[in-house]
N, C-alpha and C. Protein backbone atom coordinates (compact mmCIF):
# COMPACT_ATOMS: atom_id res chain seq x y z
N UNK A 1 -4.97 -0.83 31.35
CA UNK A 1 -4.31 -0.63 30.04
C UNK A 1 -3.79 0.76 30.79
N UNK A 2 -2.66 0.91 30.25
CA UNK A 2 -1.99 1.78 30.24
C UNK A 2 -2.38 2.81 28.68
N UNK A 3 -2.31 4.14 28.93
CA UNK A 3 -3.16 5.09 28.11
C UNK A 3 -1.60 5.81 27.49
N UNK A 4 -1.53 6.20 26.30
CA UNK A 4 -1.01 7.10 25.67
C UNK A 4 -1.30 8.20 25.34
N UNK A 5 -0.66 8.94 25.22
CA UNK A 5 -0.54 10.37 24.28
C UNK A 5 -0.71 10.41 22.82
N UNK A 6 -1.22 10.60 22.14
CA UNK A 6 -0.89 10.27 20.30
C UNK A 6 0.01 11.12 20.56
N UNK A 7 0.82 11.14 19.21
CA UNK A 7 2.33 12.00 19.42
C UNK A 7 1.94 13.03 18.83
N UNK A 8 1.15 13.46 18.41
CA UNK A 8 0.79 14.77 18.32
C UNK A 8 0.46 15.75 18.97
N UNK A 9 -0.27 14.90 19.66
CA UNK A 9 -0.64 15.77 20.83
C UNK A 9 0.44 16.36 21.58
N UNK A 10 1.24 15.00 21.96
CA UNK A 10 2.43 14.86 23.45
C UNK A 10 3.41 16.06 22.43
N UNK A 11 3.91 16.00 21.29
CA UNK A 11 4.58 17.01 20.40
C UNK A 11 4.53 18.44 20.59
N UNK A 12 3.19 18.82 20.37
CA UNK A 12 2.49 19.81 21.08
C UNK A 12 2.76 20.54 22.26
N UNK A 13 2.54 20.01 23.58
CA UNK A 13 2.76 19.60 25.01
C UNK A 13 4.16 19.96 25.02
N UNK A 14 5.10 19.02 24.45
CA UNK A 14 6.58 19.68 24.54
C UNK A 14 7.00 20.94 24.24
N UNK A 15 6.32 21.11 22.90
CA UNK A 15 7.06 22.67 22.14
C UNK A 15 6.28 23.80 23.07
N UNK A 16 4.85 23.60 23.87
CA UNK A 16 4.19 24.54 24.78
C UNK A 16 5.12 24.98 25.63
N UNK A 17 5.62 23.79 26.51
CA UNK A 17 6.49 23.84 28.01
C UNK A 17 7.65 23.75 27.70
N UNK A 18 8.59 23.72 26.16
CA UNK A 18 9.64 23.62 26.00
C UNK A 18 10.46 22.78 26.61
N UNK A 19 10.28 21.84 26.37
CA UNK A 19 10.55 20.40 26.79
C UNK A 19 11.48 19.65 25.68
N UNK A 20 12.80 19.46 25.65
CA UNK A 20 13.39 19.30 24.28
C UNK A 20 12.90 17.69 24.49
N UNK A 21 12.73 17.31 22.95
CA UNK A 21 12.67 15.26 22.78
C UNK A 21 12.97 15.44 21.42
N UNK A 22 13.19 14.40 20.60
CA UNK A 22 13.37 14.09 19.73
C UNK A 22 12.28 14.44 18.52
N UNK A 23 12.90 15.60 17.60
CA UNK A 23 12.28 15.62 16.43
C UNK A 23 11.84 14.51 15.53
N UNK A 24 10.65 14.41 15.19
CA UNK A 24 10.45 13.08 14.06
C UNK A 24 11.68 13.55 12.78
N UNK A 25 12.15 12.13 12.05
CA UNK A 25 12.83 12.62 11.37
C UNK A 25 12.03 13.05 9.69
N UNK A 26 10.79 12.41 9.80
CA UNK A 26 9.75 12.05 8.71
C UNK A 26 8.48 11.95 9.37
N UNK A 27 7.81 12.22 8.73
CA UNK A 27 5.96 12.41 8.80
C UNK A 27 5.35 12.43 7.70
N UNK A 28 5.01 11.17 7.61
CA UNK A 28 4.09 10.90 6.31
C UNK A 28 3.51 9.60 6.01
N UNK A 29 3.61 9.13 5.05
CA UNK A 29 2.56 8.02 4.95
C UNK A 29 3.35 6.52 5.88
N UNK A 30 2.42 5.80 6.45
CA UNK A 30 3.76 4.89 6.78
C UNK A 30 3.94 4.06 5.78
N UNK A 31 4.29 3.46 4.95
CA UNK A 31 4.65 2.84 3.99
C UNK A 31 5.94 3.36 3.74
N UNK A 32 6.03 4.67 3.58
CA UNK A 32 7.18 5.93 3.33
C UNK A 32 8.20 5.39 4.77
N UNK A 33 7.69 5.86 5.80
CA UNK A 33 7.85 5.63 7.03
C UNK A 33 8.76 4.40 7.14
N UNK A 34 8.26 3.38 6.70
CA UNK A 34 8.85 1.78 6.88
C UNK A 34 10.22 1.40 5.42
N UNK A 35 10.08 1.88 5.05
CA UNK A 35 11.19 2.41 3.79
C UNK A 35 12.82 3.54 4.09
N UNK A 36 12.61 4.26 5.38
CA UNK A 36 12.79 5.33 5.54
C UNK A 36 14.61 4.95 5.19
N UNK A 37 15.91 5.77 4.88
CA UNK A 37 16.66 5.17 4.99
C UNK A 37 17.10 5.27 6.01
N UNK A 38 18.45 3.96 6.61
CA UNK A 38 18.76 4.12 7.97
C UNK A 38 20.22 4.66 7.60
N UNK A 39 20.56 4.81 6.98
CA UNK A 39 22.10 4.96 6.85
C UNK A 39 22.61 6.20 6.54
N UNK A 40 22.57 7.05 7.69
CA UNK A 40 22.70 8.16 8.08
C UNK A 40 23.22 8.82 9.09
N UNK A 41 24.02 9.90 9.45
CA UNK A 41 24.88 10.10 10.66
C UNK A 41 23.86 10.33 11.69
N UNK A 42 23.95 9.74 13.13
CA UNK A 42 22.86 9.77 14.16
C UNK A 42 22.63 11.29 14.47
N UNK A 43 21.44 12.00 14.37
CA UNK A 43 21.42 13.60 14.97
C UNK A 43 21.09 13.80 16.06
N UNK A 44 21.03 12.89 17.15
CA UNK A 44 21.39 12.84 18.82
C UNK A 44 22.72 14.10 18.96
N UNK A 45 23.68 13.84 18.54
CA UNK A 45 24.79 15.01 18.84
C UNK A 45 24.08 16.08 18.84
N UNK A 46 23.63 16.18 17.69
CA UNK A 46 23.61 17.32 17.41
C UNK A 46 22.32 17.98 17.80
N UNK A 47 21.52 17.52 18.35
CA UNK A 47 20.14 18.26 18.96
C UNK A 47 20.65 18.33 20.16
N UNK A 48 21.97 17.72 21.05
CA UNK A 48 22.21 17.78 22.84
C UNK A 48 23.40 18.81 22.39
N UNK A 49 23.64 19.67 21.18
CA UNK A 49 24.64 20.65 21.28
C UNK A 49 25.98 19.90 21.01
N UNK A 50 26.23 18.83 20.71
CA UNK A 50 27.62 18.17 21.31
C UNK A 50 28.81 18.10 19.62
N UNK A 51 29.48 18.24 19.93
CA UNK A 51 30.16 18.41 18.37
C UNK A 51 30.06 16.90 17.94
N UNK A 52 30.67 17.14 16.46
CA UNK A 52 30.13 15.77 15.99
C UNK A 52 31.97 15.29 15.70
N UNK A 53 31.88 13.72 15.83
CA UNK A 53 32.58 12.96 15.76
C UNK A 53 33.83 13.07 14.81
N UNK A 54 34.83 12.93 15.03
CA UNK A 54 35.96 12.90 13.80
C UNK A 54 35.77 11.40 12.87
N UNK A 55 34.93 10.61 13.27
CA UNK A 55 34.65 9.33 12.82
C UNK A 55 33.14 9.33 12.34
N UNK A 56 33.00 8.35 11.23
CA UNK A 56 31.80 8.68 11.00
C UNK A 56 30.43 7.87 12.82
N UNK A 57 29.35 8.55 12.76
CA UNK A 57 28.75 8.11 14.25
C UNK A 57 27.29 7.98 13.30
N UNK A 58 27.38 6.43 12.88
CA UNK A 58 26.39 5.74 11.82
C UNK A 58 25.21 5.87 13.09
N UNK A 59 23.92 6.05 12.68
CA UNK A 59 22.72 5.72 13.13
C UNK A 59 22.55 4.29 13.80
N UNK A 60 21.85 4.24 14.58
CA UNK A 60 21.74 3.04 15.04
C UNK A 60 20.34 2.15 13.93
N UNK A 61 19.29 3.29 14.10
CA UNK A 61 18.32 2.92 12.93
C UNK A 61 17.09 3.93 13.62
N UNK A 62 16.10 3.74 12.82
CA UNK A 62 14.83 4.41 13.20
C UNK A 62 13.66 3.68 14.13
N UNK A 63 12.56 4.42 14.58
CA UNK A 63 11.56 3.89 15.27
C UNK A 63 10.41 4.45 14.43
N UNK A 64 9.69 3.54 13.78
CA UNK A 64 8.44 3.60 13.11
C UNK A 64 6.98 3.65 13.55
N UNK A 65 6.06 4.71 14.54
CA UNK A 65 5.09 4.37 14.98
C UNK A 65 4.26 5.84 14.17
N UNK A 66 2.66 5.28 14.27
CA UNK A 66 1.82 5.78 14.18
C UNK A 66 1.25 7.38 14.31
N UNK A 67 1.28 8.26 14.20
CA UNK A 67 0.94 9.68 14.95
C UNK A 67 0.18 9.54 16.20
N UNK A 68 -1.51 8.87 15.71
CA UNK A 68 -2.28 8.44 16.39
C UNK A 68 -2.29 7.01 16.91
N UNK A 69 -2.43 7.10 18.48
CA UNK A 69 -2.20 5.86 18.92
C UNK A 69 -2.77 4.73 18.25
N UNK A 70 -2.60 3.20 18.09
CA UNK A 70 -2.82 2.56 17.48
C UNK A 70 -2.27 1.04 18.15
N UNK A 71 -3.51 0.61 18.12
CA UNK A 71 -3.11 -0.82 19.42
C UNK A 71 -3.91 -2.62 17.93
N UNK A 72 -3.18 -3.53 18.46
CA UNK A 72 -3.62 -4.89 17.58
C UNK A 72 -3.39 -5.97 19.10
N UNK A 73 -4.25 -6.56 18.60
CA UNK A 73 -4.33 -8.41 19.41
C UNK A 73 -3.28 -8.88 18.83
N UNK A 74 -2.49 -9.50 19.91
CA UNK A 74 -1.28 -10.56 20.30
C UNK A 74 -1.73 -11.45 21.06
N UNK A 75 -1.14 -12.39 20.67
CA UNK A 75 -0.59 -13.73 21.68
C UNK A 75 -0.73 -13.51 23.14
N UNK A 76 0.24 -11.97 23.33
CA UNK A 76 0.35 -11.73 24.66
C UNK A 76 -0.83 -10.05 25.28
N UNK A 77 -1.85 -10.12 24.35
CA UNK A 77 -2.49 -9.49 24.94
C UNK A 77 -2.83 -8.55 23.86
N UNK A 78 -2.96 -7.06 23.85
CA UNK A 78 -3.08 -5.62 23.35
C UNK A 78 -1.65 -5.23 22.88
N UNK A 79 -1.23 -4.95 21.89
CA UNK A 79 0.53 -4.03 21.77
C UNK A 79 -0.16 -2.89 20.97
N UNK A 80 0.98 -2.25 21.42
CA UNK A 80 1.15 -0.78 20.41
C UNK A 80 1.64 -0.91 19.52
N UNK A 81 1.51 -0.62 17.99
CA UNK A 81 2.11 -0.79 16.92
C UNK A 81 3.14 0.37 16.82
N UNK A 82 4.45 0.09 16.95
CA UNK A 82 6.00 0.34 17.08
C UNK A 82 6.65 -0.26 16.62
N UNK A 83 7.38 0.13 15.13
CA UNK A 83 8.68 -0.55 14.45
C UNK A 83 10.03 -0.36 14.53
N UNK A 84 10.25 -1.21 15.12
CA UNK A 84 12.08 -0.90 15.17
C UNK A 84 13.08 -1.16 13.54
N UNK A 85 13.61 -0.03 13.28
CA UNK A 85 14.45 -0.85 11.87
C UNK A 85 15.72 -0.23 12.35
N UNK A 86 16.74 -1.73 12.61
CA UNK A 86 18.29 -1.32 12.79
C UNK A 86 18.98 -1.34 11.89
N UNK A 87 20.11 -0.52 11.84
CA UNK A 87 20.72 -1.06 10.55
C UNK A 87 21.53 -2.25 11.17
N UNK A 88 22.26 -2.85 9.88
CA UNK A 88 22.26 -4.50 9.75
C UNK A 88 23.39 -4.25 11.21
N UNK A 89 24.51 -3.53 11.05
CA UNK A 89 25.62 -3.33 12.17
C UNK A 89 25.55 -3.07 14.16
N UNK A 90 24.30 -3.03 14.34
CA UNK A 90 23.70 -2.72 15.17
C UNK A 90 22.68 -4.13 15.89
N UNK A 91 22.46 -5.05 14.54
CA UNK A 91 21.31 -5.71 14.68
C UNK A 91 21.92 -7.10 16.27
N UNK A 92 21.27 -7.29 17.22
CA UNK A 92 21.43 -8.11 18.26
C UNK A 92 21.58 -9.49 17.95
N UNK A 93 20.46 -9.84 16.75
CA UNK A 93 20.83 -11.34 16.18
C UNK A 93 21.78 -11.30 15.28
N UNK A 94 22.12 -12.71 15.06
CA UNK A 94 23.32 -13.10 13.88
C UNK A 94 22.57 -12.46 12.62
N UNK A 95 23.05 -11.92 11.68
CA UNK A 95 22.50 -11.62 10.53
C UNK A 95 22.76 -12.71 9.26
N UNK A 96 21.42 -12.95 8.48
CA UNK A 96 21.57 -14.15 7.59
C UNK A 96 21.24 -13.58 6.10
N UNK A 97 21.67 -11.79 5.89
CA UNK A 97 21.18 -11.39 5.00
C UNK A 97 21.90 -11.71 3.70
N UNK A 98 22.54 -12.11 3.82
CA UNK A 98 23.50 -12.67 2.61
C UNK A 98 22.82 -13.82 1.69
N UNK A 99 22.43 -13.95 0.61
CA UNK A 99 22.41 -15.47 0.17
C UNK A 99 23.74 -16.54 0.46
N UNK A 100 24.33 -15.85 0.48
CA UNK A 100 25.54 -17.67 1.04
C UNK A 100 25.12 -17.52 2.30
N UNK A 101 24.91 -17.06 3.36
CA UNK A 101 24.84 -17.11 4.40
C UNK A 101 23.62 -17.79 4.47
N UNK A 102 21.81 -17.51 3.95
CA UNK A 102 20.94 -18.17 4.46
C UNK A 102 20.96 -19.38 3.74
N UNK A 103 22.06 -19.81 2.71
CA UNK A 103 22.36 -21.23 1.82
C UNK A 103 22.64 -22.01 3.03
N UNK A 104 24.05 -21.91 3.38
CA UNK A 104 24.76 -22.34 4.55
C UNK A 104 23.87 -22.69 5.89
N UNK A 105 23.04 -21.81 6.29
CA UNK A 105 21.90 -21.97 7.14
C UNK A 105 21.12 -22.68 7.33
N UNK A 106 20.33 -22.52 5.84
CA UNK A 106 19.66 -23.94 5.55
C UNK A 106 20.25 -25.51 5.40
N UNK A 107 21.30 -25.10 5.02
CA UNK A 107 22.21 -26.68 4.94
C UNK A 107 22.43 -27.15 6.44
N UNK A 108 22.75 -26.55 7.19
CA UNK A 108 23.00 -26.94 8.34
C UNK A 108 21.64 -27.31 9.16
N UNK A 109 20.38 -26.93 8.86
CA UNK A 109 19.36 -27.65 9.62
C UNK A 109 18.94 -28.60 8.88
N UNK A 110 18.65 -28.64 7.11
CA UNK A 110 18.67 -30.05 6.66
C UNK A 110 19.60 -31.05 7.04
N UNK A 111 20.50 -30.88 7.70
CA UNK A 111 22.06 -32.29 7.73
C UNK A 111 21.24 -32.10 9.05
N UNK A 112 20.98 -31.50 9.87
CA UNK A 112 20.78 -32.07 11.32
C UNK A 112 19.41 -32.75 11.31
N UNK A 113 18.41 -32.63 10.31
CA UNK A 113 17.18 -33.31 10.08
C UNK A 113 17.28 -34.51 9.79
N UNK A 114 18.23 -34.22 8.79
CA UNK A 114 18.50 -35.67 7.78
C UNK A 114 19.35 -36.59 8.97
N UNK A 115 19.94 -36.34 9.61
CA UNK A 115 20.65 -36.65 11.04
C UNK A 115 20.09 -37.12 12.27
N UNK A 116 18.46 -36.62 12.30
CA UNK A 116 17.96 -37.20 13.49
C UNK A 116 18.03 -36.18 14.28
N UNK A 117 18.56 -34.87 14.23
CA UNK A 117 18.75 -34.12 15.10
C UNK A 117 17.17 -33.89 16.09
N UNK A 118 17.57 -33.89 17.84
CA UNK A 118 16.21 -34.05 18.41
C UNK A 118 15.86 -32.24 18.26
N UNK A 119 14.87 -32.21 19.02
CA UNK A 119 13.97 -30.52 18.75
C UNK A 119 14.89 -29.91 19.16
N UNK A 120 15.36 -30.42 20.93
CA UNK A 120 16.56 -29.64 21.43
C UNK A 120 17.79 -29.08 20.76
N UNK A 121 18.30 -29.86 19.67
CA UNK A 121 18.98 -29.51 19.15
C UNK A 121 18.70 -28.57 17.94
N UNK A 122 17.73 -28.64 17.64
CA UNK A 122 17.19 -27.60 16.67
C UNK A 122 16.84 -26.37 17.29
N UNK A 123 16.63 -26.25 18.31
CA UNK A 123 16.00 -25.24 19.24
C UNK A 123 17.54 -24.39 19.58
N UNK A 124 18.21 -25.13 19.70
CA UNK A 124 19.87 -24.33 20.09
C UNK A 124 20.08 -23.91 18.90
N UNK A 125 20.25 -24.20 17.82
CA UNK A 125 20.84 -23.72 16.37
C UNK A 125 19.86 -22.64 15.80
N UNK A 126 18.56 -22.03 16.47
CA UNK A 126 18.14 -20.70 16.57
C UNK A 126 18.26 -20.09 17.49
N UNK A 127 18.58 -20.54 18.60
CA UNK A 127 18.65 -19.47 19.50
C UNK A 127 20.01 -18.94 19.44
N UNK A 128 21.19 -19.88 19.25
CA UNK A 128 22.31 -19.12 18.93
C UNK A 128 22.47 -18.23 17.81
N UNK A 129 21.59 -18.03 17.28
CA UNK A 129 21.91 -16.71 16.30
C UNK A 129 21.43 -15.29 17.26
N UNK A 130 20.32 -15.50 18.00
CA UNK A 130 20.42 -14.30 19.19
C UNK A 130 21.49 -14.21 20.26
N UNK A 131 22.40 -15.08 20.41
CA UNK A 131 23.33 -14.81 21.39
C UNK A 131 24.72 -13.97 20.75
N UNK A 132 24.67 -12.74 20.51
CA UNK A 132 25.29 -12.01 20.07
C UNK A 132 26.40 -10.90 20.74
N UNK A 133 27.69 -10.35 20.10
CA UNK A 133 28.70 -9.56 20.39
C UNK A 133 27.68 -8.09 20.54
N UNK A 134 26.72 -7.73 19.69
CA UNK A 134 26.30 -6.79 19.70
C UNK A 134 24.88 -6.80 20.99
N UNK A 135 24.74 -7.81 21.24
CA UNK A 135 23.27 -7.56 22.42
C UNK A 135 24.53 -7.78 23.59
N UNK A 136 25.46 -8.24 23.67
CA UNK A 136 26.17 -8.26 24.73
C UNK A 136 26.50 -6.43 25.08
N UNK A 137 27.47 -5.77 23.70
CA UNK A 137 27.61 -4.30 24.17
C UNK A 137 26.54 -3.27 24.34
N UNK A 138 25.29 -3.62 23.71
CA UNK A 138 24.23 -3.10 24.46
C UNK A 138 23.60 -3.57 25.64
N UNK A 139 24.19 -4.48 26.54
CA UNK A 139 24.32 -4.61 28.07
C UNK A 139 25.42 -3.77 28.42
N UNK A 140 26.11 -3.71 28.19
CA UNK A 140 27.16 -3.27 28.73
C UNK A 140 27.14 -1.85 28.69
N UNK A 141 26.68 -1.17 27.80
CA UNK A 141 26.02 0.59 27.56
C UNK A 141 25.39 0.59 28.78
N UNK A 142 24.53 -0.89 29.19
CA UNK A 142 23.56 0.18 29.98
C UNK A 142 24.25 0.16 31.71
N UNK A 143 24.81 -0.99 32.02
CA UNK A 143 25.04 -1.49 33.04
C UNK A 143 26.59 -1.32 33.58
N UNK A 144 27.14 -0.52 32.31
CA UNK A 144 28.89 -0.80 33.10
C UNK A 144 29.46 -1.78 32.04
N UNK A 145 30.92 -1.17 31.95
CA UNK A 145 31.69 -2.39 31.54
C UNK A 145 32.32 -3.41 32.40
N UNK A 146 32.22 -4.64 31.76
CA UNK A 146 32.88 -5.37 32.63
C UNK A 146 34.38 -5.56 33.58
N UNK A 147 34.84 -5.45 34.24
CA UNK A 147 35.99 -5.54 34.81
C UNK A 147 37.30 -6.48 34.19
N UNK A 148 38.36 -5.83 34.16
CA UNK A 148 39.18 -6.63 33.09
C UNK A 148 39.44 -8.53 33.93
N UNK A 149 39.76 -8.84 33.03
CA UNK A 149 39.80 -10.35 33.87
C UNK A 149 41.09 -10.11 35.26
N UNK A 150 42.35 -9.35 34.83
CA UNK A 150 42.88 -8.99 35.56
C UNK A 150 42.92 -8.02 36.58
N UNK A 151 41.53 -7.12 36.87
CA UNK A 151 41.38 -6.87 38.05
C UNK A 151 40.71 -7.17 39.50
N UNK A 152 41.06 -6.68 40.20
CA UNK A 152 41.08 -7.27 41.67
C UNK A 152 39.38 -6.82 41.99
N UNK A 153 38.77 -6.04 41.42
CA UNK A 153 37.94 -4.95 41.74
C UNK A 153 36.40 -6.15 41.53
N UNK A 154 35.24 -5.65 41.67
CA UNK A 154 34.35 -6.78 41.90
C UNK A 154 34.20 -6.34 40.82
N UNK A 155 33.98 -7.54 39.63
CA UNK A 155 32.99 -7.42 38.58
C UNK A 155 31.40 -7.34 38.23
N UNK A 156 30.92 -6.75 37.57
CA UNK A 156 29.26 -7.16 37.43
C UNK A 156 29.16 -8.19 36.51
N UNK A 157 29.78 -9.29 36.39
CA UNK A 157 30.05 -10.30 34.98
C UNK A 157 28.43 -10.85 35.94
N UNK A 158 28.17 -10.75 36.61
CA UNK A 158 27.28 -11.70 36.83
C UNK A 158 25.45 -11.27 36.34
N UNK A 159 25.64 -9.93 36.54
CA UNK A 159 24.49 -9.15 36.61
C UNK A 159 24.25 -8.50 34.77
N UNK A 160 25.46 -8.78 34.28
CA UNK A 160 25.41 -8.61 32.83
C UNK A 160 25.09 -9.91 32.30
N UNK A 161 25.19 -11.47 32.56
CA UNK A 161 24.61 -12.64 32.22
C UNK A 161 23.41 -13.02 32.82
N UNK A 162 23.10 -12.28 33.60
CA UNK A 162 21.59 -12.39 33.85
C UNK A 162 20.70 -11.97 33.01
N UNK A 163 20.72 -10.59 32.82
CA UNK A 163 20.40 -9.53 31.60
C UNK A 163 20.22 -10.10 30.41
N UNK A 164 22.01 -10.77 29.81
CA UNK A 164 21.44 -11.76 28.56
C UNK A 164 20.72 -12.48 28.55
N UNK A 165 20.71 -13.67 29.46
CA UNK A 165 19.85 -14.66 29.82
C UNK A 165 18.98 -14.51 29.74
N UNK A 166 18.23 -13.49 30.56
CA UNK A 166 16.70 -12.84 30.58
C UNK A 166 16.30 -12.72 28.90
N UNK A 167 16.94 -11.96 28.23
CA UNK A 167 17.08 -10.96 26.68
C UNK A 167 16.51 -12.29 25.87
N UNK A 168 17.70 -12.98 26.04
CA UNK A 168 17.89 -14.47 24.53
C UNK A 168 16.40 -15.14 24.75
N UNK A 169 16.12 -15.40 26.28
CA UNK A 169 14.94 -16.38 26.48
C UNK A 169 13.85 -15.59 26.45
N UNK A 170 13.83 -14.45 26.66
CA UNK A 170 12.30 -13.38 25.79
C UNK A 170 11.98 -13.64 24.56
N UNK A 171 13.12 -12.63 23.78
CA UNK A 171 13.26 -13.48 22.35
C UNK A 171 12.69 -14.82 21.70
N UNK A 172 13.40 -15.57 22.67
CA UNK A 172 13.19 -17.25 22.09
C UNK A 172 11.64 -17.45 21.92
N UNK A 173 10.93 -17.00 23.07
CA UNK A 173 9.49 -17.39 23.21
C UNK A 173 8.97 -16.41 21.78
N UNK A 174 9.50 -15.98 20.85
CA UNK A 174 8.83 -15.32 19.42
C UNK A 174 8.66 -16.80 18.61
N UNK A 175 9.63 -17.38 19.12
CA UNK A 175 9.96 -18.55 18.30
C UNK A 175 9.64 -19.91 18.49
N UNK A 176 9.65 -20.12 20.26
CA UNK A 176 8.99 -21.51 20.79
C UNK A 176 8.49 -21.09 21.60
N UNK A 177 7.85 -22.03 22.16
CA UNK A 177 6.57 -22.04 22.88
C UNK A 177 7.42 -22.10 24.38
N UNK A 178 6.91 -21.32 25.20
CA UNK A 178 6.69 -20.85 26.42
C UNK A 178 7.80 -22.31 27.52
N UNK A 179 7.02 -22.88 27.30
CA UNK A 179 7.02 -24.46 27.75
C UNK A 179 8.13 -24.98 27.38
N UNK A 180 8.08 -25.44 26.58
CA UNK A 180 9.69 -25.76 25.73
C UNK A 180 10.91 -25.10 26.01
N UNK A 181 10.80 -23.76 26.12
CA UNK A 181 11.83 -23.07 26.79
C UNK A 181 12.89 -23.77 28.33
N UNK A 182 11.86 -24.10 28.98
CA UNK A 182 12.03 -24.62 30.43
C UNK A 182 12.27 -25.91 30.33
N UNK A 183 13.86 -25.90 30.22
CA UNK A 183 14.57 -27.05 29.69
C UNK A 183 15.81 -26.61 30.36
N UNK A 184 16.48 -27.78 31.08
CA UNK A 184 17.76 -27.77 32.32
C UNK A 184 18.51 -27.85 31.34
N UNK A 185 18.26 -28.43 30.54
CA UNK A 185 19.57 -28.83 29.40
C UNK A 185 19.80 -27.62 28.61
N UNK A 186 18.83 -27.17 28.12
CA UNK A 186 18.62 -25.85 27.16
C UNK A 186 19.43 -24.79 27.86
N UNK A 187 18.86 -24.34 29.03
CA UNK A 187 19.28 -23.61 29.94
C UNK A 187 20.71 -23.55 30.25
N UNK A 188 21.28 -24.78 31.18
CA UNK A 188 22.21 -24.66 30.98
C UNK A 188 23.70 -24.70 30.01
N UNK A 189 22.58 -24.59 28.69
CA UNK A 189 23.83 -24.29 27.34
C UNK A 189 23.67 -23.13 27.25
N UNK A 190 22.86 -22.49 27.36
CA UNK A 190 22.57 -20.88 27.29
C UNK A 190 23.44 -20.53 28.00
N UNK A 191 23.43 -20.76 29.55
CA UNK A 191 24.56 -19.82 30.27
C UNK A 191 25.60 -20.18 29.96
N UNK A 192 25.81 -21.30 29.75
CA UNK A 192 27.17 -21.35 29.05
C UNK A 192 28.07 -20.66 27.54
N UNK A 193 26.80 -20.66 27.01
CA UNK A 193 27.21 -20.33 25.53
C UNK A 193 27.14 -18.27 26.26
N UNK A 194 26.51 -17.83 26.92
CA UNK A 194 26.57 -16.52 27.53
C UNK A 194 27.58 -16.42 28.09
N UNK A 195 28.51 -17.10 28.85
CA UNK A 195 29.73 -16.64 29.44
C UNK A 195 30.63 -17.21 28.75
N UNK A 196 30.39 -18.05 27.47
CA UNK A 196 31.86 -17.64 27.03
C UNK A 196 31.71 -16.76 25.84
N UNK A 197 30.63 -16.00 25.49
CA UNK A 197 30.83 -15.02 24.69
C UNK A 197 31.41 -13.57 25.68
N UNK A 198 30.72 -13.56 27.13
CA UNK A 198 31.25 -12.65 27.63
C UNK A 198 32.86 -12.71 27.72
N UNK A 199 33.26 -14.10 28.10
CA UNK A 199 35.05 -14.27 27.58
C UNK A 199 35.47 -14.10 26.93
N UNK A 200 35.24 -14.24 25.66
CA UNK A 200 35.74 -14.05 24.24
C UNK A 200 35.98 -12.52 24.26
N UNK A 201 34.93 -11.99 24.87
CA UNK A 201 35.02 -10.21 25.11
C UNK A 201 36.23 -9.47 25.52
N UNK A 202 36.05 -10.06 26.88
CA UNK A 202 36.90 -10.06 27.38
C UNK A 202 38.69 -10.14 27.11
N UNK A 203 38.91 -11.10 26.73
CA UNK A 203 39.77 -11.12 25.84
C UNK A 203 40.38 -10.74 24.65
N UNK A 204 39.25 -10.18 23.70
CA UNK A 204 39.44 -9.23 23.03
C UNK A 204 40.09 -7.60 23.35
N UNK A 205 40.04 -7.94 24.56
CA UNK A 205 39.88 -6.07 24.83
C UNK A 205 41.37 -5.72 24.75
């Protein structure tokens, strides 16, 4: 198993050897850290000596973790305790935060159950929430922009499709058993949904 330094030890090493690192926004009780306000301007540009943007540069969120490394048991083995709290504007799943959204979603699920929708269709409903513009934008930020449809240059569309496909399936494993996701109809549907998402993104540019 990989061993990690406790963060207070790591910070001392960074300071001693003058290594740049992201200094904690808050150190204190875990309960307070989990309720840290994520409505603030990102501090990263300033830490890199960059000027502020003319418009608001919203922080994507915060990462909360213990100063002393801590592990828990999970279905996938030992996992480090690290919690990511994202601003809703950056969520890579469709948000059902409002009461109206949740009611509409539950009504849709109930309607499908009453119409005897099979398990596969119910799974598609859940997975659909994971196929989002924010997830696509996050992938593009890692591998580069997709060439315009009118461009004659080689597009990296295929690479982006593969990354999105894997990310969505990996997250879907938190909702469903892995063997249920190994379904050709489901996989073909997911590939098509991802292609449509990319096409919609390109058409909007």
